[in-house]
Amino acid sequence: TTLSLACQYNNADMVSLLLEHGANVDFKDRNQWTPLHIACQNNNMMIMVQLLLENGASICEKGRDGNTPLHAASENNKPEIVKVLLDQGADVNCKN
């Protein structure tokens, strides 16, 4: 989706614009990943993760690989994002 692409390419302004116009924050791609998965994996811009969470992104969605956004952030060495997800209630014991 356009929202997933904006997350992939670290375009916070586009993410904000798309969310303002009703983009589905939990739409899954062919790998069953949401924009939050992509933001947690691909970028260092905390604003992207915060925008998605403020607009209702689910922190517990699993991709086809069984990974949640917390798994993606942990695997990609994003401690600041891991902290935000945990503060929002992500399950630290969730198995993939």
C-alpha atoms as a PDB file:
ATOM      1  CA  THR A   1       0.000   0.000   0.000  1.00  0.00           C
ATOM      2  CA  THR A   2       1.007   3.613  -0.239  1.00  0.00           C
ATOM      3  CA  LEU A   3       1.309   3.777   3.554  1.00  0.00           C
ATOM      4  CA  SER A   4       3.646   0.773   3.608  1.00  0.00           C
ATOM      5  CA  LEU A   5       5.782   2.328   0.880  1.00  0.00           C
ATOM      6  CA  ALA A   6       5.977   5.631   2.748  1.00  0.00           C
ATOM      7  CA  CYS A   7       7.174   3.711   5.822  1.00  0.00           C
ATOM      8  CA  GLN A   8       9.665   1.722   3.780  1.00  0.00           C
ATOM      9  CA  TYR A   9      11.190   4.884   2.333  1.00  0.00           C
ATOM     10  CA  ASN A  10      11.190   6.818   5.634  1.00  0.00           C
ATOM     11  CA  ASN A  11       8.814   9.509   4.417  1.00  0.00           C
ATOM     12  CA  ALA A  12       7.214  10.782   7.638  1.00  0.00           C
ATOM     13  CA  ASP A  13       5.445  13.654   5.891  1.00  0.00           C
ATOM     14  CA  MET A  14       3.764  11.223   3.491  1.00  0.00           C
ATOM     15  CA  VAL A  15       2.833   8.871   6.344  1.00  0.00           C
ATOM     16  CA  SER A  16       1.191  11.780   8.156  1.00  0.00           C
ATOM     17  CA  LEU A  17      -0.666  12.901   5.037  1.00  0.00           C
ATOM     18  CA  LEU A  18      -1.921   9.400   4.233  1.00  0.00           C
ATOM     19  CA  LEU A  19      -3.096   8.860   7.810  1.00  0.00           C
ATOM     20  CA  GLU A  20      -4.928  12.200   7.745  1.00  0.00           C
ATOM     21  CA  HIS A  21      -6.797  10.933   4.691  1.00  0.00           C
ATOM     22  CA  GLY A  22      -7.837   7.635   6.230  1.00  0.00           C
ATOM     23  CA  ALA A  23      -5.130   5.168   5.199  1.00  0.00           C
ATOM     24  CA  ASN A  24      -5.694   1.755   6.788  1.00  0.00           C
ATOM     25  CA  VAL A  25      -3.010   1.625   9.461  1.00  0.00           C
ATOM     26  CA  ASP A  26      -3.203  -2.181   9.805  1.00  0.00           C
ATOM     27  CA  PHE A  27      -3.477  -3.194   6.136  1.00  0.00           C
ATOM     28  CA  LYS A  28      -1.250  -6.231   5.558  1.00  0.00           C
ATOM     29  CA  ASP A  29       1.001  -6.756   2.561  1.00  0.00           C
ATOM     30  CA  ARG A  30       1.629 -10.093   0.823  1.00  0.00           C
ATOM     31  CA  ASN A  31       3.883 -11.117   3.721  1.00  0.00           C
ATOM     32  CA  GLN A  32       1.111 -10.203   6.176  1.00  0.00           C
ATOM     33  CA  TRP A  33       3.202  -7.300   7.496  1.00  0.00           C
ATOM     34  CA  THR A  34       1.576  -4.050   8.551  1.00  0.00           C
ATOM     35  CA  PRO A  35       3.084  -0.584   8.071  1.00  0.00           C
ATOM     36  CA  LEU A  36       4.200  -0.768  11.720  1.00  0.00           C
ATOM     37  CA  HIS A  37       6.243  -3.914  10.991  1.00  0.00           C
ATOM     38  CA  ILE A  38       7.917  -2.078   8.134  1.00  0.00           C
ATOM     39  CA  ALA A  39       8.566   1.068  10.175  1.00  0.00           C
ATOM     40  CA  CYS A  40      10.082  -1.001  12.986  1.00  0.00           C
ATOM     41  CA  GLN A  41      12.350  -2.841  10.593  1.00  0.00           C
ATOM     42  CA  ASN A  42      13.437  -0.263   8.053  1.00  0.00           C
ATOM     43  CA  ASN A  43      13.989   3.100   9.650  1.00  0.00           C
ATOM     44  CA  ASN A  44      15.419   5.037  12.515  1.00  0.00           C
ATOM     45  CA  MET A  45      12.668   7.646  12.575  1.00  0.00           C
ATOM     46  CA  MET A  46      10.768   7.319  15.832  1.00  0.00           C
ATOM     47  CA  ILE A  47       8.188   9.760  14.465  1.00  0.00           C
ATOM     48  CA  MET A  48       6.997   7.108  11.983  1.00  0.00           C
ATOM     49  CA  VAL A  49       6.344   4.567  14.719  1.00  0.00           C
ATOM     50  CA  GLN A  50       4.677   7.195  16.910  1.00  0.00           C
ATOM     51  CA  LEU A  51       2.412   8.369  14.072  1.00  0.00           C
ATOM     52  CA  LEU A  52       1.280   4.824  13.381  1.00  0.00           C
ATOM     53  CA  LEU A  53       0.655   4.070  17.055  1.00  0.00           C
ATOM     54  CA  GLU A  54      -1.211   7.355  17.588  1.00  0.00           C
ATOM     55  CA  ASN A  55      -3.468   6.368  14.702  1.00  0.00           C
ATOM     56  CA  GLY A  56      -4.330   2.983  16.167  1.00  0.00           C
ATOM     57  CA  ALA A  57      -1.731   0.624  14.707  1.00  0.00           C
ATOM     58  CA  SER A  58      -1.900  -2.788  16.334  1.00  0.00           C
ATOM     59  CA  ILE A  59       1.266  -3.813  18.152  1.00  0.00           C
ATOM     60  CA  CYS A  60       0.311  -7.495  18.234  1.00  0.00           C
ATOM     61  CA  GLU A  61      -0.239  -8.275  14.537  1.00  0.00           C
ATOM     62  CA  LYS A  62       1.867 -11.172  13.282  1.00  0.00           C
ATOM     63  CA  GLY A  63       3.309 -11.451   9.812  1.00  0.00           C
ATOM     64  CA  ARG A  64       3.415 -14.651   7.778  1.00  0.00           C
ATOM     65  CA  ASP A  65       6.739 -15.371   9.511  1.00  0.00           C
ATOM     66  CA  GLY A  66       5.035 -15.108  12.908  1.00  0.00           C
ATOM     67  CA  ASN A  67       6.892 -11.925  13.808  1.00  0.00           C
ATOM     68  CA  THR A  68       5.263  -8.961  15.511  1.00  0.00           C
ATOM     69  CA  PRO A  69       6.523  -5.374  15.233  1.00  0.00           C
ATOM     70  CA  LEU A  70       8.446  -6.025  18.471  1.00  0.00           C
ATOM     71  CA  HIS A  71      10.274  -8.922  16.816  1.00  0.00           C
ATOM     72  CA  ALA A  72      11.097  -6.706  13.816  1.00  0.00           C
ATOM     73  CA  ALA A  73      12.481  -3.910  16.003  1.00  0.00           C
ATOM     74  CA  SER A  74      14.480  -6.328  18.157  1.00  0.00           C
ATOM     75  CA  GLU A  75      15.916  -8.206  15.195  1.00  0.00           C
ATOM     76  CA  ASN A  76      17.004  -4.942  13.565  1.00  0.00           C
ATOM     77  CA  ASN A  77      18.625  -3.453  16.691  1.00  0.00           C
ATOM     78  CA  LYS A  78      16.151  -0.622  17.288  1.00  0.00           C
ATOM     79  CA  PRO A  79      16.202  -0.244  21.113  1.00  0.00           C
ATOM     80  CA  GLU A  80      14.296   3.053  21.125  1.00  0.00           C
ATOM     81  CA  ILE A  81      11.489   1.509  19.101  1.00  0.00           C
ATOM     82  CA  VAL A  82      11.504  -1.615  21.296  1.00  0.00           C
ATOM     83  CA  LYS A  83      11.029   0.617  24.353  1.00  0.00           C
ATOM     84  CA  VAL A  84       8.094   2.464  22.769  1.00  0.00           C
ATOM     85  CA  LEU A  85       6.409  -0.810  21.788  1.00  0.00           C
ATOM     86  CA  LEU A  86       6.893  -2.235  25.280  1.00  0.00           C
ATOM     87  CA  ASP A  87       5.539   0.981  26.813  1.00  0.00           C
ATOM     88  CA  GLN A  88       2.475   0.556  24.573  1.00  0.00           C
ATOM     89  CA  GLY A  89       1.912  -2.983  25.879  1.00  0.00           C
ATOM     90  CA  ALA A  90       3.717  -5.222  23.392  1.00  0.00           C
ATOM     91  CA  ASP A  91       4.044  -8.764  24.728  1.00  0.00           C
ATOM     92  CA  VAL A  92       7.712  -9.373  25.515  1.00  0.00           C
ATOM     93  CA  ASN A  93       7.005 -13.132  25.662  1.00  0.00           C
ATOM     94  CA  CYS A  94       5.170 -13.368  22.336  1.00  0.00           C
ATOM     95  CA  LYS A  95       6.474 -16.326  20.341  1.00  0.00           C
ATOM     96  CA  ASN A  96       7.026 -16.269  16.621  1.00  0.00           C
END
